[in-house]
PDB file of N, CA and C in Angstrom:
ATOM      1  N   UNK A   1     -11.757  -6.861 -11.671  1.00  0.00           N
ATOM      2  CA  UNK A   1     -11.163  -6.046 -10.482  1.00  0.00           C
ATOM      3  C   UNK A   1     -11.724  -4.534 -10.064  1.00  0.00           C
ATOM      4  N   UNK A   2     -11.567  -4.297  -9.189  1.00  0.00           N
ATOM      5  CA  UNK A   2     -12.646  -2.762  -9.008  1.00  0.00           C
ATOM      6  C   UNK A   2     -11.406  -1.389  -8.909  1.00  0.00           C
ATOM      7  N   UNK A   3     -11.507  -0.282  -9.314  1.00  0.00           N
ATOM      8  CA  UNK A   3     -10.320   0.693  -8.978  1.00  0.00           C
ATOM      9  C   UNK A   3     -10.278   0.499  -8.055  1.00  0.00           C
ATOM     10  N   UNK A   4     -10.602   0.440  -6.370  1.00  0.00           N
ATOM     11  CA  UNK A   4      -9.436   0.505  -5.349  1.00  0.00           C
ATOM     12  C   UNK A   4      -8.674  -0.062  -5.869  1.00  0.00           C
ATOM     13  N   UNK A   5      -9.119  -1.882  -5.715  1.00  0.00           N
ATOM     14  CA  UNK A   5      -7.700  -3.072  -5.700  1.00  0.00           C
ATOM     15  C   UNK A   5      -6.724  -2.832  -6.546  1.00  0.00           C
ATOM     16  N   UNK A   6      -6.775  -1.865  -7.521  1.00  0.00           N
ATOM     17  CA  UNK A   6      -5.878  -1.971  -8.938  1.00  0.00           C
ATOM     18  C   UNK A   6      -5.052  -0.790  -8.249  1.00  0.00           C
ATOM     19  N   UNK A   7      -5.804   0.744  -7.656  1.00  0.00           N
ATOM     20  CA  UNK A   7      -4.405   0.914  -7.085  1.00  0.00           C
ATOM     21  C   UNK A   7      -3.990   0.910  -5.485  1.00  0.00           C
ATOM     22  N   UNK A   8      -4.708  -0.090  -5.101  1.00  0.00           N
ATOM     23  CA  UNK A   8      -3.779  -1.002  -4.453  1.00  0.00           C
ATOM     24  C   UNK A   8      -2.819  -1.599  -4.921  1.00  0.00           C
ATOM     25  N   UNK A   9      -2.915  -2.891  -5.893  1.00  0.00           N
ATOM     26  CA  UNK A   9      -2.173  -3.145  -6.373  1.00  0.00           C
ATOM     27  C   UNK A   9      -0.747  -2.674  -7.297  1.00  0.00           C
ATOM     28  N   UNK A  10      -1.454  -1.528  -7.674  1.00  0.00           N
ATOM     29  CA  UNK A  10      -0.362  -0.660  -8.225  1.00  0.00           C
ATOM     30  C   UNK A  10       0.734  -0.174  -7.339  1.00  0.00           C
ATOM     31  N   UNK A  11       0.317   0.915  -6.309  1.00  0.00           N
ATOM     32  CA  UNK A  11       1.006   1.111  -5.033  1.00  0.00           C
ATOM     33  C   UNK A  11       1.411  -0.080  -4.358  1.00  0.00           C
ATOM     34  N   UNK A  12       1.093  -1.531  -4.520  1.00  0.00           N
ATOM     35  CA  UNK A  12       1.870  -1.893  -3.442  1.00  0.00           C
ATOM     36  C   UNK A  12       3.029  -2.622  -4.020  1.00  0.00           C
ATOM     37  N   UNK A  13       2.635  -2.763  -5.557  1.00  0.00           N
ATOM     38  CA  UNK A  13       4.209  -3.152  -6.377  1.00  0.00           C
ATOM     39  C   UNK A  13       5.207  -1.724  -6.667  1.00  0.00           C
ATOM     40  N   UNK A  14       4.660  -0.620  -6.682  1.00  0.00           N
ATOM     41  CA  UNK A  14       5.791   0.383  -6.354  1.00  0.00           C
ATOM     42  C   UNK A  14       6.177   0.339  -4.847  1.00  0.00           C
ATOM     43  N   UNK A  15       5.643  -0.137  -4.091  1.00  0.00           N
ATOM     44  CA  UNK A  15       6.361   0.458  -2.866  1.00  0.00           C
ATOM     45  C   UNK A  15       7.519  -0.663  -2.531  1.00  0.00           C
ATOM     46  N   UNK A  16       6.759  -1.778  -2.942  1.00  0.00           N
ATOM     47  CA  UNK A  16       7.963  -3.268  -2.958  1.00  0.00           C
ATOM     48  C   UNK A  16       8.849  -3.016  -3.798  1.00  0.00           C
ATOM     49  N   UNK A  17       9.125  -2.139  -4.921  1.00  0.00           N
ATOM     50  CA  UNK A  17      10.167  -2.081  -5.527  1.00  0.00           C
ATOM     51  C   UNK A  17      10.931  -0.969  -5.328  1.00  0.00           C
ATOM     52  N   UNK A  18      10.020   0.307  -4.898  1.00  0.00           N
ATOM     53  CA  UNK A  18      11.145   1.071  -3.902  1.00  0.00           C
ATOM     54  C   UNK A  18      12.007   0.691  -2.466  1.00  0.00           C
ATOM     55  N   UNK A  19      11.285   0.067  -1.916  1.00  0.00           N
ATOM     56  CA  UNK A  19      11.632  -0.727  -0.575  1.00  0.00           C
ATOM     57  C   UNK A  19      13.378  -1.361  -1.163  1.00  0.00           C
ATOM     58  N   UNK A  20      13.271  -2.021  -2.164  1.00  0.00           N
ATOM     59  CA  UNK A  20      13.855  -3.273  -2.462  1.00  0.00           C
ATOM     60  C   UNK A  20      15.352  -2.235  -3.205  1.00  0.00           C
ATOM     61  N   UNK A  21      14.955  -2.100  -4.125  1.00  0.00           N
ATOM     62  CA  UNK A  21      16.074  -0.743  -5.090  1.00  0.00           C
ATOM     63  C   UNK A  21      17.157   0.138  -3.856  1.00  0.00           C
ATOM     64  N   UNK A  22      16.119   0.354  -2.778  1.00  0.00           N
ATOM     65  CA  UNK A  22      16.914   0.846  -1.564  1.00  0.00           C
ATOM     66  C   UNK A  22      17.905   0.829  -0.873  1.00  0.00           C
ATOM     67  N   UNK A  23      17.039  -0.571  -0.373  1.00  0.00           N
ATOM     68  CA  UNK A  23      18.023  -1.327   0.599  1.00  0.00           C
ATOM     69  C   UNK A  23      18.898  -1.935  -0.483  1.00  0.00           C
ATOM     70  N   UNK A  24      18.847  -1.955  -1.451  1.00  0.00           N
ATOM     71  CA  UNK A  24      20.469  -2.143  -2.410  1.00  0.00           C
ATOM     72  C   UNK A  24      21.284  -1.404  -2.127  1.00  0.00           C
ATOM     73  N   UNK A  25      20.804   0.161  -2.949  1.00  0.00           N
ATOM     74  CA  UNK A  25      21.561   1.123  -2.918  1.00  0.00           C
ATOM     75  C   UNK A  25      22.210   1.236  -1.284  1.00  0.00           C
ATOM     76  N   UNK A  26      21.810   1.324  -0.356  1.00  0.00           N
ATOM     77  CA  UNK A  26      22.002   1.270   1.139  1.00  0.00           C
ATOM     78  C   UNK A  26      22.593   0.488   1.107  1.00  0.00           C
ATOM     79  N   UNK A  27      22.590  -1.241   1.209  1.00  0.00           N
ATOM     80  CA  UNK A  27      23.272  -2.086   2.132  1.00  0.00           C
ATOM     81  C   UNK A  27      24.278  -2.860   1.062  1.00  0.00           C
ATOM     82  N   UNK A  28      24.091  -2.622  -0.264  1.00  0.00           N
ATOM     83  CA  UNK A  28      24.933  -3.332  -1.070  1.00  0.00           C
ATOM     84  C   UNK A  28      26.081  -2.356  -2.163  1.00  0.00           C
ATOM     85  N   UNK A  29      25.451  -1.287  -2.130  1.00  0.00           N
ATOM     86  CA  UNK A  29      26.675  -0.200  -2.512  1.00  0.00           C
ATOM     87  C   UNK A  29      26.847   1.235  -1.419  1.00  0.00           C
ATOM     88  N   UNK A  30      26.696   0.979  -0.076  1.00  0.00           N
ATOM     89  CA  UNK A  30      26.677   2.239   0.732  1.00  0.00           C
ATOM     90  C   UNK A  30      26.372   3.683   0.325  1.00  0.00           C
ATOM     91  N   UNK A  31      25.035   3.376  -0.003  1.00  0.00           N
ATOM     92  CA  UNK A  31      24.978   4.765  -0.329  1.00  0.00           C
ATOM     93  C   UNK A  31      23.443   4.882  -0.095  1.00  0.00           C
ATOM     94  N   UNK A  32      22.632   6.326  -0.653  1.00  0.00           N
ATOM     95  CA  UNK A  32      21.260   6.348  -0.149  1.00  0.00           C
ATOM     96  C   UNK A  32      21.233   7.678  -1.211  1.00  0.00           C
ATOM     97  N   UNK A  33      19.761   7.756  -1.372  1.00  0.00           N
ATOM     98  CA  UNK A  33      19.245   8.492  -2.160  1.00  0.00           C
ATOM     99  C   UNK A  33      17.872   9.507  -1.705  1.00  0.00           C
ATOM    100  N   UNK A  34      17.552   9.101  -0.795  1.00  0.00           N
ATOM    101  CA  UNK A  34      16.550   9.274  -0.263  1.00  0.00           C
ATOM    102  C   UNK A  34      16.625   9.609   1.660  1.00  0.00           C
ATOM    103  N   UNK A  35      16.083   9.914   2.605  1.00  0.00           N
ATOM    104  CA  UNK A  35      16.483  10.444   3.349  1.00  0.00           C
ATOM    105  C   UNK A  35      15.989   9.184   4.545  1.00  0.00           C
ATOM    106  N   UNK A  36      16.686   8.705   5.530  1.00  0.00           N
ATOM    107  CA  UNK A  36      15.999   6.938   5.941  1.00  0.00           C
ATOM    108  C   UNK A  36      15.104   7.380   6.276  1.00  0.00           C
ATOM    109  N   UNK A  37      14.490   8.515   7.006  1.00  0.00           N
ATOM    110  CA  UNK A  37      13.170   8.937   7.348  1.00  0.00           C
ATOM    111  C   UNK A  37      11.459   8.021   6.262  1.00  0.00           C
ATOM    112  N   UNK A  38      12.368   8.700   4.926  1.00  0.00           N
ATOM    113  CA  UNK A  38      11.702   8.187   3.995  1.00  0.00           C
ATOM    114  C   UNK A  38      11.889   6.866   3.659  1.00  0.00           C
ATOM    115  N   UNK A  39      12.396   6.467   4.024  1.00  0.00           N
ATOM    116  CA  UNK A  39      12.372   4.525   3.734  1.00  0.00           C
ATOM    117  C   UNK A  39      11.573   3.885   4.462  1.00  0.00           C
ATOM    118  N   UNK A  40      11.785   4.908   5.928  1.00  0.00           N
ATOM    119  CA  UNK A  40      11.478   4.032   6.849  1.00  0.00           C
ATOM    120  C   UNK A  40       9.769   3.866   7.019  1.00  0.00           C
ATOM    121  N   UNK A  41       9.227   5.328   6.206  1.00  0.00           N
ATOM    122  CA  UNK A  41       7.996   5.211   5.615  1.00  0.00           C
ATOM    123  C   UNK A  41       7.121   4.586   4.893  1.00  0.00           C
ATOM    124  N   UNK A  42       8.404   4.326   3.860  1.00  0.00           N
ATOM    125  CA  UNK A  42       8.030   3.676   2.624  1.00  0.00           C
ATOM    126  C   UNK A  42       7.850   1.829   3.507  1.00  0.00           C
ATOM    127  N   UNK A  43       8.655   1.116   4.012  1.00  0.00           N
ATOM    128  CA  UNK A  43       8.631   0.270   4.584  1.00  0.00           C
ATOM    129  C   UNK A  43       7.330   0.457   5.022  1.00  0.00           C
ATOM    130  N   UNK A  44       6.800   0.850   6.594  1.00  0.00           N
ATOM    131  CA  UNK A  44       5.894   0.753   7.421  1.00  0.00           C
ATOM    132  C   UNK A  44       4.855   0.782   6.550  1.00  0.00           C
ATOM    133  N   UNK A  45       4.356   2.126   5.070  1.00  0.00           N
ATOM    134  CA  UNK A  45       3.028   1.906   4.322  1.00  0.00           C
ATOM    135  C   UNK A  45       2.831   0.155   4.067  1.00  0.00           C
ATOM    136  N   UNK A  46       4.329  -0.625   3.056  1.00  0.00           N
ATOM    137  CA  UNK A  46       4.415  -1.618   2.699  1.00  0.00           C
ATOM    138  C   UNK A  46       3.625  -2.495   3.814  1.00  0.00           C
ATOM    139  N   UNK A  47       4.250  -3.163   5.026  1.00  0.00           N
ATOM    140  CA  UNK A  47       4.087  -3.449   5.089  1.00  0.00           C
ATOM    141  C   UNK A  47       2.356  -3.323   6.263  1.00  0.00           C
ATOM    142  N   UNK A  48       1.762  -2.647   6.198  1.00  0.00           N
ATOM    143  CA  UNK A  48       0.230  -1.902   6.362  1.00  0.00           C
ATOM    144  C   UNK A  48      -0.324  -2.055   4.903  1.00  0.00           C
ATOM    145  N   UNK A  49      -0.401  -2.915   4.350  1.00  0.00           N
ATOM    146  CA  UNK A  49      -0.353  -2.958   2.288  1.00  0.00           C
ATOM    147  C   UNK A  49      -0.553  -4.400   2.751  1.00  0.00           C
ATOM    148  N   UNK A  50       0.944  -4.558   3.232  1.00  0.00           N
ATOM    149  CA  UNK A  50       0.533  -6.410   2.667  1.00  0.00           C
ATOM    150  C   UNK A  50      -0.207  -7.219   3.568  1.00  0.00           C
ATOM    151  N   UNK A  51      -0.443  -6.800   5.155  1.00  0.00           N
ATOM    152  CA  UNK A  51      -0.949  -6.883   6.313  1.00  0.00           C
ATOM    153  C   UNK A  51      -2.691  -6.849   5.482  1.00  0.00           C
ATOM    154  N   UNK A  52      -3.098  -5.814   5.160  1.00  0.00           N
ATOM    155  CA  UNK A  52      -4.107  -5.131   4.819  1.00  0.00           C
ATOM    156  C   UNK A  52      -4.641  -6.235   3.666  1.00  0.00           C
ATOM    157  N   UNK A  53      -3.944  -6.503   2.893  1.00  0.00           N
ATOM    158  CA  UNK A  53      -4.560  -6.802   1.371  1.00  0.00           C
ATOM    159  C   UNK A  53      -3.492  -8.633   1.112  1.00  0.00           C
ATOM    160  N   UNK A  54      -3.211  -9.433   1.609  1.00  0.00           N
ATOM    161  CA  UNK A  54      -2.398 -10.565   1.965  1.00  0.00           C
ATOM    162  C   UNK A  54      -2.657 -11.185   0.249  1.00  0.00           C
ATOM    163  N   UNK A  55      -3.912 -11.595  -0.634  1.00  0.00           N
ATOM    164  CA  UNK A  55      -3.715 -11.752  -1.968  1.00  0.00           C
ATOM    165  C   UNK A  55      -3.474 -11.032  -2.525  1.00  0.00           C
ATOM    166  N   UNK A  56      -3.843 -10.178  -2.736  1.00  0.00           N
ATOM    167  CA  UNK A  56      -2.781  -8.849  -3.711  1.00  0.00           C
ATOM    168  C   UNK A  56      -1.103  -8.632  -3.278  1.00  0.00           C
ATOM    169  N   UNK A  57      -0.620  -9.124  -2.171  1.00  0.00           N
ATOM    170  CA  UNK A  57       0.244  -8.282  -2.314  1.00  0.00           C
ATOM    171  C   UNK A  57       1.155 -10.146  -2.599  1.00  0.00           C
ATOM    172  N   UNK A  58       0.310 -11.218  -1.695  1.00  0.00           N
ATOM    173  CA  UNK A  58       1.620 -12.421  -2.927  1.00  0.00           C
ATOM    174  C   UNK A  58       1.108 -13.070  -4.260  1.00  0.00           C
ATOM    175  N   UNK A  59      -0.050 -11.771  -4.526  1.00  0.00           N
ATOM    176  CA  UNK A  59      -0.208 -12.093  -6.040  1.00  0.00           C
ATOM    177  C   UNK A  59       1.758 -11.214  -7.247  1.00  0.00           C
ATOM    178  N   UNK A  60       1.776 -10.258  -6.140  1.00  0.00           N
ATOM    179  CA  UNK A  60       2.812  -9.481  -7.220  1.00  0.00           C
ATOM    180  C   UNK A  60       4.118  -9.886  -6.872  1.00  0.00           C
ATOM    181  N   UNK A  61       5.006  -9.311  -8.127  1.00  0.00           N
ATOM    182  CA  UNK A  61       5.820  -9.813  -8.093  1.00  0.00           C
ATOM    183  C   UNK A  61       6.726  -9.170  -6.884  1.00  0.00           C
ATOM    184  N   UNK A  62       8.380 -10.096  -6.719  1.00  0.00           N
ATOM    185  CA  UNK A  62       8.847 -10.310  -5.596  1.00  0.00           C
ATOM    186  C   UNK A  62       8.904 -10.286  -3.760  1.00  0.00           C
ATOM    187  N   UNK A  63       7.265 -10.767  -3.786  1.00  0.00           N
ATOM    188  CA  UNK A  63       5.959 -11.561  -3.127  1.00  0.00           C
ATOM    189  C   UNK A  63       7.575 -11.959  -1.509  1.00  0.00           C
ATOM    190  N   UNK A  64       8.538 -12.344  -2.620  1.00  0.00           N
ATOM    191  CA  UNK A  64       9.488 -13.441  -1.936  1.00  0.00           C
ATOM    192  C   UNK A  64      10.523 -12.729  -1.076  1.00  0.00           C
ATOM    193  N   UNK A  65      10.327 -11.430  -0.885  1.00  0.00           N
ATOM    194  CA  UNK A  65      11.501 -10.253  -0.702  1.00  0.00           C
ATOM    195  C   UNK A  65      11.388  -9.935   0.151  1.00  0.00           C
ATOM    196  N   UNK A  66      10.040  -9.579   0.227  1.00  0.00           N
ATOM    197  CA  UNK A  66       8.860  -8.253   1.286  1.00  0.00           C
ATOM    198  C   UNK A  66       8.140  -8.588   1.824  1.00  0.00           C
ATOM    199  N   UNK A  67       7.783  -8.454   2.893  1.00  0.00           N
ATOM    200  CA  UNK A  67       8.390  -6.743   3.073  1.00  0.00           C
ATOM    201  C   UNK A  67       9.835  -6.661   3.734  1.00  0.00           C
ATOM    202  N   UNK A  68      10.351  -7.366   4.728  1.00  0.00           N
ATOM    203  CA  UNK A  68      11.808  -7.272   4.711  1.00  0.00           C
ATOM    204  C   UNK A  68      12.398  -8.254   5.023  1.00  0.00           C
ATOM    205  N   UNK A  69      13.042  -9.514   3.717  1.00  0.00           N
ATOM    206  CA  UNK A  69      13.048 -10.700   4.237  1.00  0.00           C
ATOM    207  C   UNK A  69      14.754  -9.884   4.272  1.00  0.00           C
ATOM    208  N   UNK A  70      15.215  -9.010   2.919  1.00  0.00           N
ATOM    209  CA  UNK A  70      16.469  -8.951   2.690  1.00  0.00           C
ATOM    210  C   UNK A  70      17.034  -7.385   3.977  1.00  0.00           C
ATOM    211  N   UNK A  71      16.344  -7.178   4.253  1.00  0.00           N
ATOM    212  CA  UNK A  71      16.659  -6.508   5.217  1.00  0.00           C
ATOM    213  C   UNK A  71      18.358  -6.291   5.783  1.00  0.00           C
ATOM    214  N   UNK A  72      19.314  -5.126   5.203  1.00  0.00           N
ATOM    215  CA  UNK A  72      20.411  -5.690   6.176  1.00  0.00           C
ATOM    216  C   UNK A  72      21.368  -6.404   5.071  1.00  0.00           C
ATOM    217  N   UNK A  73      20.879  -7.380   4.291  1.00  0.00           N
ATOM    218  CA  UNK A  73      21.525  -7.785   3.264  1.00  0.00           C
ATOM    219  C   UNK A  73      22.758  -6.895   2.253  1.00  0.00           C
ATOM    220  N   UNK A  74      24.400  -7.604   2.662  1.00  0.00           N
ATOM    221  CA  UNK A  74      24.467  -6.645   1.722  1.00  0.00           C
ATOM    222  C   UNK A  74      25.206  -7.012   0.515  1.00  0.00           C
ATOM    223  N   UNK A  75      24.656  -9.099   0.216  1.00  0.00           N
ATOM    224  CA  UNK A  75      25.386  -9.819  -1.075  1.00  0.00           C
ATOM    225  C   UNK A  75      24.097  -9.545  -1.725  1.00  0.00           C
ATOM    226  N   UNK A  76      24.825  -8.223  -2.521  1.00  0.00           N
ATOM    227  CA  UNK A  76      24.238  -8.023  -3.698  1.00  0.00           C
ATOM    228  C   UNK A  76      23.441  -9.097  -4.835  1.00  0.00           C
ATOM    229  N   UNK A  77      23.525 -10.720  -4.692  1.00  0.00           N
ATOM    230  CA  UNK A  77      22.732 -11.799  -5.164  1.00  0.00           C
ATOM    231  C   UNK A  77      21.945 -12.023  -4.331  1.00  0.00           C
ATOM    232  N   UNK A  78      21.287 -12.188  -3.788  1.00  0.00           N
ATOM    233  CA  UNK A  78      20.004 -11.887  -2.242  1.00  0.00           C
ATOM    234  C   UNK A  78      18.777 -11.763  -3.297  1.00  0.00           C
ATOM    235  N   UNK A  79      19.380 -10.006  -4.417  1.00  0.00           N
ATOM    236  CA  UNK A  79      18.354  -9.260  -4.480  1.00  0.00           C
ATOM    237  C   UNK A  79      18.202  -9.691  -6.335  1.00  0.00           C
ATOM    238  N   UNK A  80      17.057  -9.741  -7.077  1.00  0.00           N
ATOM    239  CA  UNK A  80      17.073 -10.180  -8.105  1.00  0.00           C
ATOM    240  C   UNK A  80      17.642  -8.718  -8.925  1.00  0.00           C
ATOM    241  N   UNK A  81      18.674  -9.039 -10.331  1.00  0.00           N
ATOM    242  CA  UNK A  81      19.161  -8.904 -10.964  1.00  0.00           C
ATOM    243  C   UNK A  81      18.943  -7.757 -11.663  1.00  0.00           C
ATOM    244  N   UNK A  82      17.625  -7.643 -11.576  1.00  0.00           N
ATOM    245  CA  UNK A  82      16.897  -6.379 -12.671  1.00  0.00           C
ATOM    246  C   UNK A  82      16.498  -5.074 -11.682  1.00  0.00           C
ATOM    247  N   UNK A  83      16.435  -5.280 -10.522  1.00  0.00           N
ATOM    248  CA  UNK A  83      16.402  -4.507  -9.385  1.00  0.00           C
ATOM    249  C   UNK A  83      17.828  -3.931  -9.384  1.00  0.00           C
ATOM    250  N   UNK A  84      18.660  -4.602  -9.161  1.00  0.00           N
ATOM    251  CA  UNK A  84      20.370  -4.366  -8.893  1.00  0.00           C
ATOM    252  C   UNK A  84      20.591  -3.400 -10.355  1.00  0.00           C
ATOM    253  N   UNK A  85      20.238  -3.721 -11.017  1.00  0.00           N
ATOM    254  CA  UNK A  85      20.861  -3.077 -12.450  1.00  0.00           C
ATOM    255  C   UNK A  85      19.851  -1.557 -12.370  1.00  0.00           C
ATOM    256  N   UNK A  86      18.886  -1.306 -11.182  1.00  0.00           N
ATOM    257  CA  UNK A  86      18.263  -0.338 -11.474  1.00  0.00           C
ATOM    258  C   UNK A  86      18.175   0.697 -10.335  1.00  0.00           C
ATOM    259  N   UNK A  87      18.542  -0.020  -9.573  1.00  0.00           N
ATOM    260  CA  UNK A  87      19.604   0.694  -8.221  1.00  0.00           C
ATOM    261  C   UNK A  87      20.571   1.006  -8.688  1.00  0.00           C
ATOM    262  N   UNK A  88      21.448   0.636  -9.801  1.00  0.00           N
ATOM    263  CA  UNK A  88      22.907   1.392 -10.475  1.00  0.00           C
ATOM    264  C   UNK A  88      22.615   2.363 -11.065  1.00  0.00           C
ATOM    265  N   UNK A  89      21.519   2.347 -11.827  1.00  0.00           N
ATOM    266  CA  UNK A  89      21.377   3.356 -13.110  1.00  0.00           C
ATOM    267  C   UNK A  89      21.060   4.133 -12.362  1.00  0.00           C
ATOM    268  N   UNK A  90      20.739   4.693 -11.204  1.00  0.00           N
ATOM    269  CA  UNK A  90      20.035   5.463 -10.513  1.00  0.00           C
ATOM    270  C   UNK A  90      20.776   6.251  -9.871  1.00  0.00           C
ATOM    271  N   UNK A  91      21.865   5.935  -8.898  1.00  0.00           N
ATOM    272  CA  UNK A  91      23.227   5.790  -8.948  1.00  0.00           C
ATOM    273  C   UNK A  91      24.505   6.782  -9.713  1.00  0.00           C
ATOM    274  N   UNK A  92      24.234   5.949 -11.016  1.00  0.00           N
ATOM    275  CA  UNK A  92      25.028   6.464 -12.132  1.00  0.00           C
ATOM    276  C   UNK A  92      23.941   7.959 -12.048  1.00  0.00           C
ATOM    277  N   UNK A  93      23.066   7.972 -12.375  1.00  0.00           N
ATOM    278  CA  UNK A  93      22.017   8.916 -12.771  1.00  0.00           C
ATOM    279  C   UNK A  93      22.771  10.044 -11.695  1.00  0.00           C
ATOM    280  N   UNK A  94      22.019   9.803 -10.742  1.00  0.00           N
ATOM    281  CA  UNK A  94      22.627  10.980  -9.771  1.00  0.00           C
ATOM    282  C   UNK A  94      23.841  11.822  -9.973  1.00  0.00           C
ATOM    283  N   UNK A  95      24.876  10.337 -10.138  1.00  0.00           N
ATOM    284  CA  UNK A  95      26.381  11.034 -10.143  1.00  0.00           C
ATOM    285  C   UNK A  95      26.646  11.532 -11.081  1.00  0.00           C
ATOM    286  N   UNK A  96      25.945  11.326 -12.005  1.00  0.00           N
ATOM    287  CA  UNK A  96      26.715  12.574 -13.697  1.00  0.00           C
ATOM    288  C   UNK A  96      25.684  13.424 -12.957  1.00  0.00           C
ATOM    289  N   UNK A  97      24.122  13.897 -12.666  1.00  0.00           N
ATOM    290  CA  UNK A  97      23.921  15.159 -12.657  1.00  0.00           C
ATOM    291  C   UNK A  97      24.526  15.942 -11.478  1.00  0.00           C
ATOM    292  N   UNK A  98      25.314  15.470 -10.527  1.00  0.00           N
ATOM    293  CA  UNK A  98      26.487  16.015  -9.164  1.00  0.00           C
ATOM    294  C   UNK A  98      27.119  16.356 -10.051  1.00  0.00           C
ATOM    295  N   UNK A  99      27.583  15.536 -10.911  1.00  0.00           N
ATOM    296  CA  UNK A  99      29.177  15.707 -11.208  1.00  0.00           C
ATOM    297  C   UNK A  99      29.132  16.532 -12.885  1.00  0.00           C
ATOM    298  N   UNK A 100      28.022  17.017 -12.761  1.00  0.00           N
ATOM    299  CA  UNK A 100      28.646  17.558 -14.371  1.00  0.00           C
ATOM    300  C   UNK A 100      28.319  19.289 -14.528  1.00  0.00           C
ATOM    301  N   UNK A 101      29.400  19.778 -15.020  1.00  0.00           N
ATOM    302  CA  UNK A 101      29.796  21.377 -14.780  1.00  0.00           C
ATOM    303  C   UNK A 101      28.666  22.692 -14.744  1.00  0.00           C
ATOM    304  N   UNK A 102      28.582  23.693 -14.721  1.00  0.00           N
ATOM    305  CA  UNK A 102      27.710  24.297 -14.991  1.00  0.00           C
ATOM    306  C   UNK A 102      27.501  24.440 -16.188  1.00  0.00           C
ATOM    307  N   UNK A 103      26.269  25.403 -17.380  1.00  0.00           N
ATOM    308  CA  UNK A 103      26.718  25.043 -18.681  1.00  0.00           C
ATOM    309  C   UNK A 103      27.874  26.186 -18.494  1.00  0.00           C
ATOM    310  N   UNK A 104      27.627  26.775 -19.653  1.00  0.00           N
ATOM    311  CA  UNK A 104      28.965  28.638 -19.633  1.00  0.00           C
ATOM    312  C   UNK A 104      28.864  28.965 -20.364  1.00  0.00           C
ATOM    313  N   UNK A 105      27.300  28.985 -20.431  1.00  0.00           N
ATOM    314  CA  UNK A 105      27.043  30.497 -20.617  1.00  0.00           C
ATOM    315  C   UNK A 105      25.231  30.588 -19.850  1.00  0.00           C
ATOM    316  N   UNK A 106      24.740  31.822 -18.945  1.00  0.00           N
ATOM    317  CA  UNK A 106      23.976  31.698 -18.161  1.00  0.00           C
ATOM    318  C   UNK A 106      22.280  31.364 -19.147  1.00  0.00           C
ATOM    319  N   UNK A 107      21.955  31.263 -19.245  1.00  0.00           N
ATOM    320  CA  UNK A 107      20.435  30.895 -19.531  1.00  0.00           C
ATOM    321  C   UNK A 107      19.728  29.513 -20.725  1.00  0.00           C
ATOM    322  N   UNK A 108      21.646  28.743 -20.833  1.00  0.00           N
ATOM    323  CA  UNK A 108      21.482  27.755 -21.206  1.00  0.00           C
ATOM    324  C   UNK A 108      20.516  26.135 -21.034  1.00  0.00           C
ATOM    325  N   UNK A 109      20.177  25.881 -22.067  1.00  0.00           N
ATOM    326  CA  UNK A 109      19.278  24.684 -21.560  1.00  0.00           C
ATOM    327  C   UNK A 109      20.085  23.717 -21.117  1.00  0.00           C
ATOM    328  N   UNK A 110      19.502  22.621 -20.310  1.00  0.00           N
ATOM    329  CA  UNK A 110      20.846  22.058 -19.817  1.00  0.00           C
ATOM    330  C   UNK A 110      19.970  20.297 -20.486  1.00  0.00           C
ATOM    331  N   UNK A 111      19.597  20.009 -21.956  1.00  0.00           N
ATOM    332  CA  UNK A 111      18.843  18.962 -22.527  1.00  0.00           C
ATOM    333  C   UNK A 111      19.518  18.135 -21.870  1.00  0.00           C
ATOM    334  N   UNK A 112      20.582  17.300 -21.970  1.00  0.00           N
ATOM    335  CA  UNK A 112      20.879  15.890 -21.264  1.00  0.00           C
ATOM    336  C   UNK A 112      20.201  15.466 -20.274  1.00  0.00           C
ATOM    337  N   UNK A 113      19.708  16.216 -19.687  1.00  0.00           N
ATOM    338  CA  UNK A 113      18.869  15.745 -18.168  1.00  0.00           C
ATOM    339  C   UNK A 113      17.967  15.426 -18.740  1.00  0.00           C
ATOM    340  N   UNK A 114      17.643  15.236 -19.922  1.00  0.00           N
ATOM    341  CA  UNK A 114      16.088  14.849 -20.571  1.00  0.00           C
ATOM    342  C   UNK A 114      16.426  13.819 -21.254  1.00  0.00           C
ATOM    343  N   UNK A 115      17.608  12.997 -21.614  1.00  0.00           N
ATOM    344  CA  UNK A 115      17.983  12.089 -21.823  1.00  0.00           C
ATOM    345  C   UNK A 115      17.710  10.557 -21.613  1.00  0.00           C
ATOM    346  N   UNK A 116      17.601  11.038 -19.811  1.00  0.00           N
ATOM    347  CA  UNK A 116      17.427   9.672 -18.887  1.00  0.00           C
ATOM    348  C   UNK A 116      15.936   8.879 -19.031  1.00  0.00           C
TER     349      UNK A 116
END
């Protein structure tokens, strides 16, 4: 496979996973981590990539879900369990960072963030 096709494959796979995970966060968890405009841009890019490279798109994971099969579904069972777990993990990580108190002393390195 030429490098260009591999890059397309990687981008399609990344956008597909991003869109599904953020659908779960938005529709199933009633939350968001990214602006709607960012999600909309990712979804448009995914649709364009799928249209331009249908053979590559069909060969990647979650082809049956994308680009928009489950949009609007609040039924978590509609989505792959591993992506539901990833969405939950991202939300939990965000909540841990937001809820963590400031370091006791100025200049203290917050190494706990590196554990994720």
